[in-house]
Amino acid sequence: MIRIAGLIILLSVTLAQAVADETAWTSKRGLFVVSYVSDLEPLAINQLHGWTLQLDSKDGEPVTAAVITVDGGMPEHDHGLPTQPRVTQEIGEGAYRLDGLRFHMRGEWEVTLRIEANGVTDAVTIKVSL
């Protein structure tokens, strides 16, 4: 019985780590898939940084010429982001440069990207835990 309980705990921890290590987010309507790489690894409090976003269609094709706006904050604290991050450059092949992110306190953050591309609009929310 002890071995079985230990195995259950190990599986629970592994599943929790897999969920926490999410690397791609599907938009609300399922039209886009977004991933990112941060300039700052690991993420830290009060450090201005940027992300390189990868925007693909639901079929895995890079999405170009998108207009991406950024919003977010800490829902549990009912406040927005302390900065006004924005996409500053389309790099190519579905990659975009997002600059001006800063998380000023520990907790659960959300970064919401509103995406307009190919005549459709959708949004994706990326959860960040610090």
N, C-alpha and C. Protein backbone atom coordinates (compact mmCIF):
# COMPACT_ATOMS: atom_id res chain seq x y z
N MET A 1 0.81 -1.20 0.00
CA MET A 1 0.00 0.00 0.00
C MET A 1 0.86 1.26 0.00
N ILE A 2 1.96 1.26 0.70
CA ILE A 2 2.81 2.44 0.76
C ILE A 2 3.40 2.71 -0.62
N ARG A 3 3.80 1.69 -1.31
CA ARG A 3 4.36 1.89 -2.65
C ARG A 3 3.32 2.47 -3.60
N ILE A 4 2.13 1.99 -3.53
CA ILE A 4 1.08 2.49 -4.41
C ILE A 4 0.80 3.96 -4.11
N ALA A 5 0.69 4.30 -2.84
CA ALA A 5 0.45 5.71 -2.48
C ALA A 5 1.59 6.58 -2.96
N GLY A 6 2.83 6.12 -2.80
CA GLY A 6 3.99 6.87 -3.28
C GLY A 6 3.95 7.06 -4.77
N LEU A 7 3.53 6.05 -5.50
CA LEU A 7 3.42 6.14 -6.95
C LEU A 7 2.37 7.17 -7.35
N ILE A 8 1.26 7.17 -6.66
CA ILE A 8 0.21 8.14 -6.95
C ILE A 8 0.71 9.55 -6.72
N ILE A 9 1.43 9.78 -5.65
CA ILE A 9 1.98 11.10 -5.37
C ILE A 9 2.97 11.49 -6.45
N LEU A 10 3.84 10.58 -6.85
CA LEU A 10 4.82 10.87 -7.90
C LEU A 10 4.12 11.23 -9.20
N LEU A 11 3.09 10.48 -9.58
CA LEU A 11 2.36 10.79 -10.81
C LEU A 11 1.68 12.14 -10.72
N SER A 12 1.14 12.50 -9.56
CA SER A 12 0.50 13.80 -9.39
C SER A 12 1.48 14.93 -9.56
N VAL A 13 2.67 14.79 -9.00
CA VAL A 13 3.70 15.82 -9.13
C VAL A 13 4.13 15.94 -10.58
N THR A 14 4.32 14.83 -11.26
CA THR A 14 4.74 14.87 -12.66
C THR A 14 3.67 15.54 -13.52
N LEU A 15 2.40 15.25 -13.30
CA LEU A 15 1.33 15.87 -14.05
C LEU A 15 1.28 17.37 -13.77
N ALA A 16 1.44 17.77 -12.52
CA ALA A 16 1.44 19.19 -12.17
C ALA A 16 2.59 19.91 -12.85
N GLN A 17 3.75 19.29 -12.92
CA GLN A 17 4.90 19.91 -13.59
C GLN A 17 4.63 20.05 -15.08
N ALA A 18 4.00 19.06 -15.69
CA ALA A 18 3.70 19.13 -17.13
C ALA A 18 2.75 20.29 -17.41
N VAL A 19 1.74 20.48 -16.56
CA VAL A 19 0.81 21.58 -16.75
C VAL A 19 1.52 22.91 -16.56
N ALA A 20 2.40 23.01 -15.55
CA ALA A 20 3.12 24.25 -15.27
C ALA A 20 4.11 24.59 -16.38
N ASP A 21 4.60 23.60 -17.10
CA ASP A 21 5.59 23.81 -18.14
C ASP A 21 4.97 23.99 -19.52
N GLU A 22 3.72 24.41 -19.57
CA GLU A 22 3.03 24.61 -20.83
C GLU A 22 3.86 25.55 -21.72
N THR A 23 4.01 25.17 -22.98
CA THR A 23 4.85 25.96 -23.87
C THR A 23 4.11 26.52 -25.07
N ALA A 24 2.86 26.13 -25.27
CA ALA A 24 2.07 26.65 -26.39
C ALA A 24 0.63 26.82 -25.92
N TRP A 25 0.01 27.91 -26.35
CA TRP A 25 -1.34 28.23 -25.94
C TRP A 25 -2.21 28.38 -27.18
N THR A 26 -3.36 27.75 -27.16
CA THR A 26 -4.32 27.86 -28.26
C THR A 26 -5.27 29.02 -27.95
N SER A 27 -5.57 29.80 -28.96
CA SER A 27 -6.46 30.95 -28.78
C SER A 27 -7.88 30.49 -28.43
N LYS A 28 -8.66 31.42 -27.91
CA LYS A 28 -10.00 31.11 -27.40
C LYS A 28 -10.90 30.45 -28.43
N ARG A 29 -10.84 30.91 -29.67
CA ARG A 29 -11.68 30.34 -30.73
C ARG A 29 -10.97 29.21 -31.47
N GLY A 30 -9.74 28.90 -31.06
CA GLY A 30 -9.00 27.80 -31.68
C GLY A 30 -8.36 28.13 -33.01
N LEU A 31 -8.24 29.43 -33.35
CA LEU A 31 -7.72 29.83 -34.65
C LEU A 31 -6.19 29.89 -34.70
N PHE A 32 -5.56 30.18 -33.56
CA PHE A 32 -4.11 30.39 -33.52
C PHE A 32 -3.48 29.61 -32.37
N VAL A 33 -2.18 29.35 -32.53
CA VAL A 33 -1.38 28.77 -31.47
C VAL A 33 -0.19 29.69 -31.25
N VAL A 34 0.05 30.06 -30.00
CA VAL A 34 1.12 31.00 -29.65
C VAL A 34 2.09 30.33 -28.69
N SER A 35 3.37 30.56 -28.91
CA SER A 35 4.40 30.18 -27.96
C SER A 35 5.34 31.38 -27.82
N TYR A 36 6.19 31.35 -26.80
CA TYR A 36 7.11 32.46 -26.63
C TYR A 36 8.42 31.99 -26.00
N VAL A 37 9.44 32.80 -26.23
CA VAL A 37 10.73 32.64 -25.56
C VAL A 37 11.03 33.99 -24.93
N SER A 38 11.30 33.99 -23.64
CA SER A 38 11.58 35.22 -22.92
C SER A 38 13.07 35.54 -22.98
N ASP A 39 13.39 36.85 -23.03
CA ASP A 39 14.78 37.30 -22.91
C ASP A 39 15.33 37.00 -21.53
N LEU A 40 14.44 36.92 -20.56
CA LEU A 40 14.81 36.76 -19.17
C LEU A 40 14.42 35.36 -18.74
N GLU A 41 15.40 34.54 -18.45
CA GLU A 41 15.13 33.16 -18.07
C GLU A 41 16.00 32.79 -16.90
N PRO A 42 15.44 32.52 -15.75
CA PRO A 42 14.00 32.50 -15.46
C PRO A 42 13.46 33.92 -15.31
N LEU A 43 12.14 34.03 -15.41
CA LEU A 43 11.49 35.32 -15.21
C LEU A 43 11.76 35.81 -13.79
N ALA A 44 11.91 37.11 -13.64
CA ALA A 44 12.22 37.68 -12.33
C ALA A 44 11.36 38.91 -12.08
N ILE A 45 11.25 39.26 -10.82
CA ILE A 45 10.46 40.41 -10.40
C ILE A 45 11.18 41.70 -10.78
N ASN A 46 10.41 42.69 -11.25
CA ASN A 46 10.88 44.05 -11.54
C ASN A 46 12.00 44.14 -12.57
N GLN A 47 12.02 43.24 -13.53
CA GLN A 47 13.02 43.30 -14.59
C GLN A 47 12.30 43.49 -15.93
N LEU A 48 12.58 44.61 -16.57
CA LEU A 48 12.01 44.89 -17.88
C LEU A 48 12.60 43.90 -18.88
N HIS A 49 11.76 43.29 -19.70
CA HIS A 49 12.25 42.29 -20.66
C HIS A 49 11.27 42.18 -21.83
N GLY A 50 11.64 41.36 -22.78
CA GLY A 50 10.81 41.13 -23.95
C GLY A 50 10.67 39.65 -24.24
N TRP A 51 9.74 39.35 -25.11
CA TRP A 51 9.51 37.98 -25.56
C TRP A 51 9.58 37.94 -27.08
N THR A 52 10.00 36.82 -27.60
CA THR A 52 9.84 36.51 -29.02
C THR A 52 8.65 35.58 -29.11
N LEU A 53 7.59 36.05 -29.75
CA LEU A 53 6.38 35.27 -29.92
C LEU A 53 6.46 34.47 -31.21
N GLN A 54 5.89 33.28 -31.20
CA GLN A 54 5.70 32.50 -32.42
C GLN A 54 4.21 32.32 -32.60
N LEU A 55 3.68 32.81 -33.72
CA LEU A 55 2.26 32.75 -34.00
C LEU A 55 2.02 31.83 -35.19
N ASP A 56 1.27 30.78 -34.96
CA ASP A 56 0.95 29.81 -36.01
C ASP A 56 -0.56 29.65 -36.12
N SER A 57 -1.01 29.20 -37.28
CA SER A 57 -2.42 28.86 -37.46
C SER A 57 -2.70 27.56 -36.71
N LYS A 58 -3.97 27.22 -36.61
CA LYS A 58 -4.32 25.95 -35.95
C LYS A 58 -3.74 24.76 -36.69
N ASP A 59 -3.40 24.95 -37.98
CA ASP A 59 -2.81 23.89 -38.79
C ASP A 59 -1.28 23.87 -38.73
N GLY A 60 -0.70 24.76 -37.92
CA GLY A 60 0.75 24.77 -37.76
C GLY A 60 1.51 25.65 -38.74
N GLU A 61 0.80 26.44 -39.55
CA GLU A 61 1.45 27.32 -40.51
C GLU A 61 1.76 28.67 -39.86
N PRO A 62 2.96 29.24 -40.09
CA PRO A 62 3.27 30.56 -39.53
C PRO A 62 2.28 31.62 -40.02
N VAL A 63 1.87 32.50 -39.11
CA VAL A 63 0.94 33.57 -39.44
C VAL A 63 1.73 34.86 -39.56
N THR A 64 1.65 35.48 -40.73
CA THR A 64 2.36 36.74 -40.97
C THR A 64 1.37 37.89 -41.06
N ALA A 65 1.89 39.10 -40.99
CA ALA A 65 1.11 40.33 -41.12
C ALA A 65 -0.02 40.43 -40.09
N ALA A 66 0.21 39.90 -38.90
CA ALA A 66 -0.79 39.98 -37.83
C ALA A 66 -0.64 41.29 -37.07
N VAL A 67 -1.74 41.77 -36.54
CA VAL A 67 -1.73 42.89 -35.62
C VAL A 67 -2.01 42.30 -34.24
N ILE A 68 -1.06 42.48 -33.33
CA ILE A 68 -1.17 41.88 -32.00
C ILE A 68 -1.14 42.99 -30.96
N THR A 69 -2.18 43.06 -30.14
CA THR A 69 -2.20 44.01 -29.04
C THR A 69 -2.11 43.24 -27.73
N VAL A 70 -1.58 43.91 -26.70
CA VAL A 70 -1.25 43.23 -25.44
C VAL A 70 -2.00 43.88 -24.29
N ASP A 71 -2.51 43.05 -23.41
CA ASP A 71 -3.16 43.48 -22.19
C ASP A 71 -2.84 42.42 -21.13
N GLY A 72 -3.26 42.65 -19.92
CA GLY A 72 -3.03 41.64 -18.90
C GLY A 72 -2.99 42.22 -17.52
N GLY A 73 -2.53 41.42 -16.58
CA GLY A 73 -2.44 41.85 -15.21
C GLY A 73 -2.54 40.69 -14.25
N MET A 74 -2.94 41.01 -13.02
CA MET A 74 -3.12 40.01 -11.97
C MET A 74 -4.60 39.97 -11.59
N PRO A 75 -5.35 39.01 -12.12
CA PRO A 75 -6.78 38.95 -11.82
C PRO A 75 -7.09 38.86 -10.32
N GLU A 76 -6.29 38.14 -9.57
CA GLU A 76 -6.55 37.98 -8.13
C GLU A 76 -6.38 39.30 -7.38
N HIS A 77 -5.58 40.22 -7.91
CA HIS A 77 -5.34 41.51 -7.26
C HIS A 77 -6.12 42.64 -7.95
N ASP A 78 -6.80 42.31 -9.03
CA ASP A 78 -7.63 43.26 -9.77
C ASP A 78 -6.83 44.47 -10.27
N HIS A 79 -5.63 44.21 -10.82
CA HIS A 79 -4.88 45.30 -11.45
C HIS A 79 -4.22 44.80 -12.73
N GLY A 80 -3.90 45.75 -13.58
CA GLY A 80 -3.30 45.45 -14.87
C GLY A 80 -1.79 45.33 -14.80
N LEU A 81 -1.18 45.28 -15.96
CA LEU A 81 0.28 45.24 -16.05
C LEU A 81 0.85 46.61 -15.64
N PRO A 82 2.04 46.63 -15.02
CA PRO A 82 2.63 47.90 -14.62
C PRO A 82 3.27 48.67 -15.78
N THR A 83 3.38 48.04 -16.92
CA THR A 83 3.95 48.67 -18.12
C THR A 83 2.95 48.55 -19.25
N GLN A 84 3.30 49.09 -20.39
CA GLN A 84 2.44 48.99 -21.58
C GLN A 84 3.20 48.23 -22.68
N PRO A 85 3.33 46.91 -22.51
CA PRO A 85 4.05 46.14 -23.52
C PRO A 85 3.36 46.19 -24.87
N ARG A 86 4.18 46.08 -25.92
CA ARG A 86 3.62 46.10 -27.27
C ARG A 86 4.50 45.32 -28.22
N VAL A 87 3.91 44.86 -29.28
CA VAL A 87 4.67 44.19 -30.34
C VAL A 87 5.35 45.27 -31.14
N THR A 88 6.66 45.20 -31.23
CA THR A 88 7.45 46.25 -31.89
C THR A 88 7.96 45.86 -33.26
N GLN A 89 7.92 44.57 -33.58
CA GLN A 89 8.50 44.14 -34.85
C GLN A 89 7.96 42.78 -35.26
N GLU A 90 7.70 42.64 -36.55
CA GLU A 90 7.46 41.32 -37.12
C GLU A 90 8.79 40.82 -37.64
N ILE A 91 9.27 39.74 -37.08
CA ILE A 91 10.59 39.21 -37.43
C ILE A 91 10.52 38.39 -38.71
N GLY A 92 9.43 37.66 -38.88
CA GLY A 92 9.24 36.83 -40.07
C GLY A 92 8.93 35.40 -39.68
N GLU A 93 8.32 34.65 -40.60
CA GLU A 93 7.97 33.25 -40.39
C GLU A 93 7.11 33.06 -39.14
N GLY A 94 6.21 34.04 -38.88
CA GLY A 94 5.31 33.94 -37.74
C GLY A 94 5.90 34.42 -36.42
N ALA A 95 7.12 34.94 -36.44
CA ALA A 95 7.76 35.43 -35.22
C ALA A 95 7.57 36.93 -35.07
N TYR A 96 7.30 37.35 -33.83
CA TYR A 96 7.06 38.76 -33.52
C TYR A 96 7.82 39.12 -32.24
N ARG A 97 8.28 40.36 -32.17
CA ARG A 97 8.99 40.85 -31.00
C ARG A 97 8.03 41.62 -30.10
N LEU A 98 7.92 41.18 -28.84
CA LEU A 98 7.10 41.85 -27.83
C LEU A 98 8.03 42.47 -26.80
N ASP A 99 7.98 43.78 -26.64
CA ASP A 99 8.87 44.50 -25.71
C ASP A 99 8.08 45.19 -24.62
N GLY A 100 8.74 45.42 -23.49
CA GLY A 100 8.18 46.23 -22.42
C GLY A 100 7.43 45.47 -21.34
N LEU A 101 7.71 44.20 -21.16
CA LEU A 101 7.06 43.44 -20.08
C LEU A 101 7.82 43.61 -18.77
N ARG A 102 7.06 43.73 -17.70
CA ARG A 102 7.65 43.73 -16.36
C ARG A 102 6.57 43.24 -15.39
N PHE A 103 6.95 42.32 -14.54
CA PHE A 103 6.07 41.81 -13.49
C PHE A 103 6.64 42.33 -12.17
N HIS A 104 5.87 43.13 -11.45
CA HIS A 104 6.43 43.83 -10.29
C HIS A 104 6.19 43.14 -8.95
N MET A 105 5.53 41.98 -8.96
CA MET A 105 5.32 41.26 -7.70
C MET A 105 5.10 39.78 -7.97
N ARG A 106 5.31 38.99 -6.95
CA ARG A 106 5.07 37.55 -7.06
C ARG A 106 3.57 37.27 -7.15
N GLY A 107 3.23 36.19 -7.83
CA GLY A 107 1.84 35.77 -7.92
C GLY A 107 1.49 35.29 -9.32
N GLU A 108 0.21 35.23 -9.59
CA GLU A 108 -0.32 34.72 -10.85
C GLU A 108 -0.64 35.88 -11.79
N TRP A 109 0.06 35.93 -12.91
CA TRP A 109 -0.12 36.97 -13.93
C TRP A 109 -0.79 36.37 -15.16
N GLU A 110 -1.41 37.24 -15.95
CA GLU A 110 -1.92 36.86 -17.26
C GLU A 110 -1.45 37.89 -18.28
N VAL A 111 -1.02 37.40 -19.42
CA VAL A 111 -0.69 38.25 -20.57
C VAL A 111 -1.65 37.84 -21.68
N THR A 112 -2.52 38.77 -22.08
CA THR A 112 -3.52 38.46 -23.11
C THR A 112 -3.12 39.13 -24.41
N LEU A 113 -3.06 38.34 -25.46
CA LEU A 113 -2.72 38.82 -26.80
C LEU A 113 -3.98 38.79 -27.65
N ARG A 114 -4.35 39.93 -28.18
CA ARG A 114 -5.47 40.02 -29.13
C ARG A 114 -4.86 40.01 -30.52
N ILE A 115 -5.25 39.03 -31.31
CA ILE A 115 -4.62 38.79 -32.61
C ILE A 115 -5.63 39.04 -33.73
N GLU A 116 -5.22 39.89 -34.68
CA GLU A 116 -6.01 40.11 -35.90
C GLU A 116 -5.14 39.67 -37.06
N ALA A 117 -5.62 38.69 -37.81
CA ALA A 117 -4.85 38.19 -38.96
C ALA A 117 -5.77 37.46 -39.92
N ASN A 118 -5.49 37.59 -41.19
CA ASN A 118 -6.23 36.88 -42.23
C ASN A 118 -7.75 37.08 -42.12
N GLY A 119 -8.16 38.29 -41.72
CA GLY A 119 -9.58 38.61 -41.67
C GLY A 119 -10.32 38.09 -40.45
N VAL A 120 -9.61 37.55 -39.47
CA VAL A 120 -10.26 37.05 -38.25
C VAL A 120 -9.58 37.63 -37.02
N THR A 121 -10.30 37.60 -35.91
CA THR A 121 -9.78 38.09 -34.64
C THR A 121 -9.97 37.02 -33.58
N ASP A 122 -8.96 36.85 -32.75
CA ASP A 122 -9.02 35.88 -31.66
C ASP A 122 -8.09 36.38 -30.56
N ALA A 123 -8.11 35.75 -29.43
CA ALA A 123 -7.25 36.15 -28.32
C ALA A 123 -6.73 34.91 -27.60
N VAL A 124 -5.57 35.06 -27.02
CA VAL A 124 -4.98 33.98 -26.23
C VAL A 124 -4.47 34.58 -24.93
N THR A 125 -4.66 33.87 -23.84
CA THR A 125 -4.19 34.32 -22.54
C THR A 125 -3.11 33.36 -22.06
N ILE A 126 -1.94 33.94 -21.79
CA ILE A 126 -0.81 33.17 -21.29
C ILE A 126 -0.70 33.44 -19.79
N LYS A 127 -0.72 32.37 -19.01
CA LYS A 127 -0.61 32.49 -17.57
C LYS A 127 0.84 32.36 -17.16
N VAL A 128 1.27 33.29 -16.30
CA VAL A 128 2.65 33.33 -15.82
C VAL A 128 2.62 33.32 -14.30
N SER A 129 3.32 32.39 -13.72
CA SER A 129 3.36 32.27 -12.26
C SER A 129 4.76 32.61 -11.76
N LEU A 130 4.84 33.61 -10.89
CA LEU A 130 6.13 34.02 -10.33
C LEU A 130 6.12 33.85 -8.82
